[in-house]
């Protein structure tokens, strides 16, 4: 059986970006494990369950049911206790919450490094979780993302969410913008703003722009597996 590990934020994950890949993989017989930084159940960003954002009331009900009832999402492992070697894929769903926990977690960064090392693993990183690439470095200090083609949550979209002081609608101060940090780490960034979806494959690293690209990202990951 193929196994996949999902590393999900406790500070606010985007429902579609986690649940679409998770249920797609499971429907194809992939066994999914969920990990969070502390081992507490991940928290869904309620903005992602707004009918307008999610695609209607029926879709909201489907997403909320998975969030509330999925056994792995409700009983995750602590990220420090899992090893990428046990999984064919490691998935990092997005959501603003990742900028405060997953992207800054050294164990999560090691999982990403291990997933793209060698020939056996693959990583899928979505939306704001792409920010983890800015802080993940090889043993010699080289940024993992240096010279790699990636997509992710673009500045053009962030600008429409935060105010002039980078404060979000919920009052939290956004500590950094994903595109800025990943570009500074040496990535070849293209969020393909003129396209409906954006998924980029560079070796064993798959990145997806954000909401609306999750289904394509899941199918791309299945193809790699």
C-alpha atoms as a PDB file:
ATOM      1  CA  UNK A   1       0.000   0.000   0.000  1.00  0.00           C
ATOM      2  CA  UNK A   2       1.160   3.533  -0.778  1.00  0.00           C
ATOM      3  CA  UNK A   3       1.464   5.798   2.266  1.00  0.00           C
ATOM      4  CA  UNK A   4       1.255   9.595   2.429  1.00  0.00           C
ATOM      5  CA  UNK A   5       1.930  11.937   5.335  1.00  0.00           C
ATOM      6  CA  UNK A   6       0.026  15.224   5.624  1.00  0.00           C
ATOM      7  CA  UNK A   7       1.664  17.958   7.743  1.00  0.00           C
ATOM      8  CA  UNK A   8      -1.196  20.282   8.694  1.00  0.00           C
ATOM      9  CA  UNK A   9      -1.336  23.600  10.530  1.00  0.00           C
ATOM     10  CA  UNK A  10      -2.814  24.024  13.993  1.00  0.00           C
ATOM     11  CA  UNK A  11      -3.057  27.770  13.331  1.00  0.00           C
ATOM     12  CA  UNK A  12      -5.455  27.603  10.379  1.00  0.00           C
ATOM     13  CA  UNK A  13      -5.357  25.307   7.343  1.00  0.00           C
ATOM     14  CA  UNK A  14      -7.315  26.027   4.157  1.00  0.00           C
ATOM     15  CA  UNK A  15     -10.000  23.357   3.898  1.00  0.00           C
ATOM     16  CA  UNK A  16      -9.868  22.648   0.165  1.00  0.00           C
ATOM     17  CA  UNK A  17      -6.063  22.586   0.074  1.00  0.00           C
ATOM     18  CA  UNK A  18      -5.938  19.792   2.634  1.00  0.00           C
ATOM     19  CA  UNK A  19      -9.160  17.877   2.127  1.00  0.00           C
ATOM     20  CA  UNK A  20      -9.149  17.742  -1.682  1.00  0.00           C
ATOM     21  CA  UNK A  21      -5.727  16.029  -1.887  1.00  0.00           C
ATOM     22  CA  UNK A  22      -6.447  13.896   1.184  1.00  0.00           C
ATOM     23  CA  UNK A  23      -9.721  12.474  -0.090  1.00  0.00           C
ATOM     24  CA  UNK A  24      -8.388  12.121  -3.636  1.00  0.00           C
ATOM     25  CA  UNK A  25      -5.439  10.051  -2.448  1.00  0.00           C
ATOM     26  CA  UNK A  26      -7.601   7.947  -0.165  1.00  0.00           C
ATOM     27  CA  UNK A  27     -10.047   7.250  -2.998  1.00  0.00           C
ATOM     28  CA  UNK A  28      -7.125   5.690  -4.895  1.00  0.00           C
ATOM     29  CA  UNK A  29      -6.153   3.446  -1.997  1.00  0.00           C
ATOM     30  CA  UNK A  30      -3.405   5.622  -0.491  1.00  0.00           C
ATOM     31  CA  UNK A  31      -3.102   5.274   3.288  1.00  0.00           C
ATOM     32  CA  UNK A  32      -2.954   8.745   4.881  1.00  0.00           C
ATOM     33  CA  UNK A  33      -1.365   9.781   8.167  1.00  0.00           C
ATOM     34  CA  UNK A  34      -1.763  13.307   9.549  1.00  0.00           C
ATOM     35  CA  UNK A  35       0.822  15.129  11.661  1.00  0.00           C
ATOM     36  CA  UNK A  36       0.713  18.556  13.282  1.00  0.00           C
ATOM     37  CA  UNK A  37       3.446  20.502  15.077  1.00  0.00           C
ATOM     38  CA  UNK A  38       2.313  19.527  18.591  1.00  0.00           C
ATOM     39  CA  UNK A  39       0.074  16.552  17.830  1.00  0.00           C
ATOM     40  CA  UNK A  40      -3.101  18.514  18.535  1.00  0.00           C
ATOM     41  CA  UNK A  41      -5.872  18.376  15.909  1.00  0.00           C
ATOM     42  CA  UNK A  42      -5.383  20.923  13.130  1.00  0.00           C
ATOM     43  CA  UNK A  43      -7.630  23.962  13.013  1.00  0.00           C
ATOM     44  CA  UNK A  44      -9.491  24.816   9.840  1.00  0.00           C
ATOM     45  CA  UNK A  45      -9.522  28.436   8.687  1.00  0.00           C
ATOM     46  CA  UNK A  46     -13.206  29.344   8.827  1.00  0.00           C
ATOM     47  CA  UNK A  47     -12.748  31.709   5.879  1.00  0.00           C
ATOM     48  CA  UNK A  48     -12.152  28.630   3.740  1.00  0.00           C
ATOM     49  CA  UNK A  49     -15.619  27.378   4.694  1.00  0.00           C
ATOM     50  CA  UNK A  50     -17.389  30.447   3.431  1.00  0.00           C
ATOM     51  CA  UNK A  51     -19.739  29.259   0.648  1.00  0.00           C
ATOM     52  CA  UNK A  52     -18.378  31.830  -1.780  1.00  0.00           C
ATOM     53  CA  UNK A  53     -14.795  30.704  -1.181  1.00  0.00           C
ATOM     54  CA  UNK A  54     -15.547  26.988  -1.054  1.00  0.00           C
ATOM     55  CA  UNK A  55     -17.939  26.692  -3.990  1.00  0.00           C
ATOM     56  CA  UNK A  56     -21.361  26.601  -2.389  1.00  0.00           C
ATOM     57  CA  UNK A  57     -23.192  25.341   0.680  1.00  0.00           C
ATOM     58  CA  UNK A  58     -23.065  21.696  -0.404  1.00  0.00           C
ATOM     59  CA  UNK A  59     -19.293  21.774  -0.767  1.00  0.00           C
ATOM     60  CA  UNK A  60     -18.971  23.526   2.591  1.00  0.00           C
ATOM     61  CA  UNK A  61     -20.946  20.718   4.218  1.00  0.00           C
ATOM     62  CA  UNK A  62     -18.652  18.116   2.623  1.00  0.00           C
ATOM     63  CA  UNK A  63     -15.502  19.888   3.771  1.00  0.00           C
ATOM     64  CA  UNK A  64     -16.793  20.465   7.289  1.00  0.00           C
ATOM     65  CA  UNK A  65     -17.793  16.812   7.618  1.00  0.00           C
ATOM     66  CA  UNK A  66     -14.272  15.676   6.757  1.00  0.00           C
ATOM     67  CA  UNK A  67     -12.747  18.240   9.108  1.00  0.00           C
ATOM     68  CA  UNK A  68     -14.942  17.135  11.977  1.00  0.00           C
ATOM     69  CA  UNK A  69     -15.044  13.376  11.411  1.00  0.00           C
ATOM     70  CA  UNK A  70     -11.928  12.209   9.590  1.00  0.00           C
ATOM     71  CA  UNK A  71     -10.093   9.945  12.049  1.00  0.00           C
ATOM     72  CA  UNK A  72      -6.585  11.035  11.083  1.00  0.00           C
ATOM     73  CA  UNK A  73      -7.365  14.750  11.103  1.00  0.00           C
ATOM     74  CA  UNK A  74      -8.824  14.368  14.580  1.00  0.00           C
ATOM     75  CA  UNK A  75      -6.034  12.223  16.007  1.00  0.00           C
ATOM     76  CA  UNK A  76      -2.775  13.407  14.407  1.00  0.00           C
ATOM     77  CA  UNK A  77       0.785  12.469  15.252  1.00  0.00           C
ATOM     78  CA  UNK A  78       3.273  15.028  16.601  1.00  0.00           C
ATOM     79  CA  UNK A  79       5.441  16.073  13.680  1.00  0.00           C
ATOM     80  CA  UNK A  80       8.636  15.321  15.637  1.00  0.00           C
ATOM     81  CA  UNK A  81       7.689  11.639  15.911  1.00  0.00           C
ATOM     82  CA  UNK A  82       7.209  10.828  12.219  1.00  0.00           C
ATOM     83  CA  UNK A  83       9.839   9.988   9.607  1.00  0.00           C
ATOM     84  CA  UNK A  84       9.563  10.731   5.891  1.00  0.00           C
ATOM     85  CA  UNK A  85      11.227   7.403   5.115  1.00  0.00           C
ATOM     86  CA  UNK A  86       7.971   5.685   6.050  1.00  0.00           C
ATOM     87  CA  UNK A  87       5.987   7.473   3.329  1.00  0.00           C
ATOM     88  CA  UNK A  88       6.059   7.689  -0.437  1.00  0.00           C
ATOM     89  CA  UNK A  89       4.729  11.260  -0.286  1.00  0.00           C
ATOM     90  CA  UNK A  90       4.725  14.107   2.218  1.00  0.00           C
ATOM     91  CA  UNK A  91       2.036  16.750   1.689  1.00  0.00           C
ATOM     92  CA  UNK A  92       2.033  20.264   3.157  1.00  0.00           C
ATOM     93  CA  UNK A  93      -1.445  21.819   2.759  1.00  0.00           C
ATOM     94  CA  UNK A  94      -1.648  25.592   2.807  1.00  0.00           C
ATOM     95  CA  UNK A  95      -3.517  28.228   4.735  1.00  0.00           C
ATOM     96  CA  UNK A  96      -2.254  31.374   6.415  1.00  0.00           C
ATOM     97  CA  UNK A  97      -1.768  29.370   9.600  1.00  0.00           C
ATOM     98  CA  UNK A  98       1.319  27.674   8.182  1.00  0.00           C
ATOM     99  CA  UNK A  99       3.318  30.906   8.374  1.00  0.00           C
ATOM    100  CA  UNK A 100       3.114  30.717  12.176  1.00  0.00           C
ATOM    101  CA  UNK A 101       3.744  27.024  12.768  1.00  0.00           C
ATOM    102  CA  UNK A 102       4.521  24.477  10.028  1.00  0.00           C
ATOM    103  CA  UNK A 103       6.850  26.704   7.990  1.00  0.00           C
ATOM    104  CA  UNK A 104       8.876  27.545  11.105  1.00  0.00           C
ATOM    105  CA  UNK A 105       9.047  23.995  12.474  1.00  0.00           C
ATOM    106  CA  UNK A 106      12.469  22.370  12.159  1.00  0.00           C
ATOM    107  CA  UNK A 107      10.989  18.882  12.167  1.00  0.00           C
ATOM    108  CA  UNK A 108       8.621  19.806   9.343  1.00  0.00           C
ATOM    109  CA  UNK A 109      11.535  21.233   7.374  1.00  0.00           C
ATOM    110  CA  UNK A 110      13.478  18.007   7.880  1.00  0.00           C
ATOM    111  CA  UNK A 111      10.514  16.008   6.614  1.00  0.00           C
ATOM    112  CA  UNK A 112      10.518  18.148   3.478  1.00  0.00           C
ATOM    113  CA  UNK A 113      14.255  17.667   2.982  1.00  0.00           C
ATOM    114  CA  UNK A 114      13.977  13.914   3.418  1.00  0.00           C
ATOM    115  CA  UNK A 115      10.960  13.670   1.114  1.00  0.00           C
ATOM    116  CA  UNK A 116      12.780  15.217  -1.847  1.00  0.00           C
ATOM    117  CA  UNK A 117      16.118  13.491  -1.183  1.00  0.00           C
ATOM    118  CA  UNK A 118      17.039  10.446  -3.263  1.00  0.00           C
ATOM    119  CA  UNK A 119      14.754   8.698  -5.705  1.00  0.00           C
ATOM    120  CA  UNK A 120      12.000   7.263  -3.516  1.00  0.00           C
ATOM    121  CA  UNK A 121       9.953  10.152  -2.132  1.00  0.00           C
ATOM    122  CA  UNK A 122       8.016  13.159  -3.355  1.00  0.00           C
ATOM    123  CA  UNK A 123       6.663  16.272  -1.642  1.00  0.00           C
ATOM    124  CA  UNK A 124       3.596  18.354  -2.464  1.00  0.00           C
ATOM    125  CA  UNK A 125       3.583  21.868  -0.979  1.00  0.00           C
ATOM    126  CA  UNK A 126       0.525  24.085  -1.408  1.00  0.00           C
ATOM    127  CA  UNK A 127      -0.164  27.826  -1.154  1.00  0.00           C
ATOM    128  CA  UNK A 128       1.195  29.496   2.010  1.00  0.00           C
ATOM    129  CA  UNK A 129       2.968  26.276   2.997  1.00  0.00           C
ATOM    130  CA  UNK A 130       5.313  27.004   0.072  1.00  0.00           C
ATOM    131  CA  UNK A 131       6.865  29.474   2.502  1.00  0.00           C
ATOM    132  CA  UNK A 132       8.589  26.529   4.199  1.00  0.00           C
ATOM    133  CA  UNK A 133      10.917  26.439   1.195  1.00  0.00           C
ATOM    134  CA  UNK A 134      12.373  29.795   2.224  1.00  0.00           C
ATOM    135  CA  UNK A 135      13.595  28.339   5.518  1.00  0.00           C
ATOM    136  CA  UNK A 136      14.639  24.811   4.487  1.00  0.00           C
ATOM    137  CA  UNK A 137      18.334  24.299   3.834  1.00  0.00           C
ATOM    138  CA  UNK A 138      20.575  21.419   2.859  1.00  0.00           C
ATOM    139  CA  UNK A 139      23.319  20.314   5.264  1.00  0.00           C
ATOM    140  CA  UNK A 140      25.795  22.701   3.609  1.00  0.00           C
ATOM    141  CA  UNK A 141      23.437  25.663   4.052  1.00  0.00           C
ATOM    142  CA  UNK A 142      22.180  25.803   0.465  1.00  0.00           C
ATOM    143  CA  UNK A 143      18.463  26.631   0.323  1.00  0.00           C
ATOM    144  CA  UNK A 144      16.506  23.598  -0.838  1.00  0.00           C
ATOM    145  CA  UNK A 145      14.580  25.778  -3.279  1.00  0.00           C
ATOM    146  CA  UNK A 146      17.617  27.453  -4.859  1.00  0.00           C
ATOM    147  CA  UNK A 147      17.315  27.144  -8.627  1.00  0.00           C
ATOM    148  CA  UNK A 148      14.050  25.185  -8.453  1.00  0.00           C
ATOM    149  CA  UNK A 149      10.932  26.143 -10.365  1.00  0.00           C
ATOM    150  CA  UNK A 150       8.042  26.744  -7.965  1.00  0.00           C
ATOM    151  CA  UNK A 151       4.622  28.296  -7.687  1.00  0.00           C
ATOM    152  CA  UNK A 152       2.827  29.419  -4.544  1.00  0.00           C
ATOM    153  CA  UNK A 153       0.628  32.084  -2.981  1.00  0.00           C
ATOM    154  CA  UNK A 154       1.494  35.300  -4.847  1.00  0.00           C
ATOM    155  CA  UNK A 155       2.031  38.805  -3.557  1.00  0.00           C
ATOM    156  CA  UNK A 156      -0.754  40.029  -5.827  1.00  0.00           C
ATOM    157  CA  UNK A 157      -3.238  37.967  -3.835  1.00  0.00           C
ATOM    158  CA  UNK A 158      -1.736  38.741  -0.426  1.00  0.00           C
ATOM    159  CA  UNK A 159      -2.043  42.439  -1.133  1.00  0.00           C
ATOM    160  CA  UNK A 160      -5.810  42.051  -1.298  1.00  0.00           C
ATOM    161  CA  UNK A 161      -6.000  40.400   2.140  1.00  0.00           C
ATOM    162  CA  UNK A 162      -3.756  42.284   4.557  1.00  0.00           C
ATOM    163  CA  UNK A 163      -3.922  46.001   5.349  1.00  0.00           C
ATOM    164  CA  UNK A 164      -1.116  48.532   4.936  1.00  0.00           C
ATOM    165  CA  UNK A 165       0.545  47.179   8.096  1.00  0.00           C
ATOM    166  CA  UNK A 166       0.296  43.500   7.038  1.00  0.00           C
ATOM    167  CA  UNK A 167      -2.487  42.863   9.533  1.00  0.00           C
ATOM    168  CA  UNK A 168      -5.019  40.254   8.486  1.00  0.00           C
ATOM    169  CA  UNK A 169      -8.805  40.562   8.855  1.00  0.00           C
ATOM    170  CA  UNK A 170      -8.632  38.463  12.047  1.00  0.00           C
ATOM    171  CA  UNK A 171      -6.162  40.905  13.616  1.00  0.00           C
ATOM    172  CA  UNK A 172      -3.033  38.798  13.304  1.00  0.00           C
ATOM    173  CA  UNK A 173       0.130  40.381  11.896  1.00  0.00           C
ATOM    174  CA  UNK A 174       1.462  38.466   8.905  1.00  0.00           C
ATOM    175  CA  UNK A 175       5.182  37.935   9.616  1.00  0.00           C
ATOM    176  CA  UNK A 176       6.261  37.576   5.982  1.00  0.00           C
ATOM    177  CA  UNK A 177       4.939  37.247   2.438  1.00  0.00           C
ATOM    178  CA  UNK A 178       5.539  33.837   0.881  1.00  0.00           C
ATOM    179  CA  UNK A 179       6.567  35.034  -2.574  1.00  0.00           C
ATOM    180  CA  UNK A 180       9.115  37.511  -1.207  1.00  0.00           C
ATOM    181  CA  UNK A 181      10.846  34.982   1.038  1.00  0.00           C
ATOM    182  CA  UNK A 182      10.905  32.143  -1.483  1.00  0.00           C
ATOM    183  CA  UNK A 183      12.308  34.407  -4.181  1.00  0.00           C
ATOM    184  CA  UNK A 184      15.034  35.573  -1.770  1.00  0.00           C
ATOM    185  CA  UNK A 185      15.959  31.928  -1.188  1.00  0.00           C
ATOM    186  CA  UNK A 186      16.765  31.597  -4.885  1.00  0.00           C
ATOM    187  CA  UNK A 187      13.630  30.013  -6.336  1.00  0.00           C
ATOM    188  CA  UNK A 188      12.552  30.420  -9.941  1.00  0.00           C
ATOM    189  CA  UNK A 189       9.100  31.713  -9.025  1.00  0.00           C
ATOM    190  CA  UNK A 190       6.125  31.789 -11.379  1.00  0.00           C
ATOM    191  CA  UNK A 191       2.600  31.791  -9.935  1.00  0.00           C
ATOM    192  CA  UNK A 192       1.106  31.867 -13.452  1.00  0.00           C
ATOM    193  CA  UNK A 193      -1.362  34.602 -12.564  1.00  0.00           C
ATOM    194  CA  UNK A 194      -3.022  34.480 -15.963  1.00  0.00           C
ATOM    195  CA  UNK A 195      -3.881  30.771 -15.582  1.00  0.00           C
ATOM    196  CA  UNK A 196      -6.874  29.304 -13.751  1.00  0.00           C
ATOM    197  CA  UNK A 197      -4.624  26.858 -11.888  1.00  0.00           C
ATOM    198  CA  UNK A 198      -0.905  26.627 -11.219  1.00  0.00           C
ATOM    199  CA  UNK A 199       0.971  23.421 -10.337  1.00  0.00           C
ATOM    200  CA  UNK A 200       4.721  23.093 -10.872  1.00  0.00           C
ATOM    201  CA  UNK A 201       6.854  19.950 -10.808  1.00  0.00           C
ATOM    202  CA  UNK A 202      10.617  20.190 -10.325  1.00  0.00           C
ATOM    203  CA  UNK A 203      12.133  16.811  -9.621  1.00  0.00           C
ATOM    204  CA  UNK A 204      10.612  15.375  -6.452  1.00  0.00           C
ATOM    205  CA  UNK A 205       9.078  18.727  -5.471  1.00  0.00           C
ATOM    206  CA  UNK A 206       5.515  19.621  -6.494  1.00  0.00           C
ATOM    207  CA  UNK A 207       4.159  23.051  -5.621  1.00  0.00           C
ATOM    208  CA  UNK A 208       0.647  24.431  -6.075  1.00  0.00           C
ATOM    209  CA  UNK A 209      -0.444  28.063  -6.088  1.00  0.00           C
ATOM    210  CA  UNK A 210      -3.421  27.852  -3.738  1.00  0.00           C
ATOM    211  CA  UNK A 211      -7.208  27.602  -3.732  1.00  0.00           C
ATOM    212  CA  UNK A 212      -8.454  26.198  -7.001  1.00  0.00           C
ATOM    213  CA  UNK A 213      -5.241  24.316  -7.770  1.00  0.00           C
ATOM    214  CA  UNK A 214      -5.657  21.581  -5.165  1.00  0.00           C
ATOM    215  CA  UNK A 215      -7.467  19.087  -7.411  1.00  0.00           C
ATOM    216  CA  UNK A 216      -4.826  19.409 -10.121  1.00  0.00           C
ATOM    217  CA  UNK A 217      -2.110  19.130  -7.487  1.00  0.00           C
ATOM    218  CA  UNK A 218      -3.640  15.915  -6.139  1.00  0.00           C
ATOM    219  CA  UNK A 219      -3.832  14.377  -9.607  1.00  0.00           C
ATOM    220  CA  UNK A 220      -0.264  15.449 -10.309  1.00  0.00           C
ATOM    221  CA  UNK A 221       0.893  13.804  -7.093  1.00  0.00           C
ATOM    222  CA  UNK A 222      -0.928  10.591  -7.986  1.00  0.00           C
ATOM    223  CA  UNK A 223       0.830  10.629 -11.350  1.00  0.00           C
ATOM    224  CA  UNK A 224       4.206  10.967  -9.652  1.00  0.00           C
ATOM    225  CA  UNK A 225       3.377   8.121  -7.278  1.00  0.00           C
END
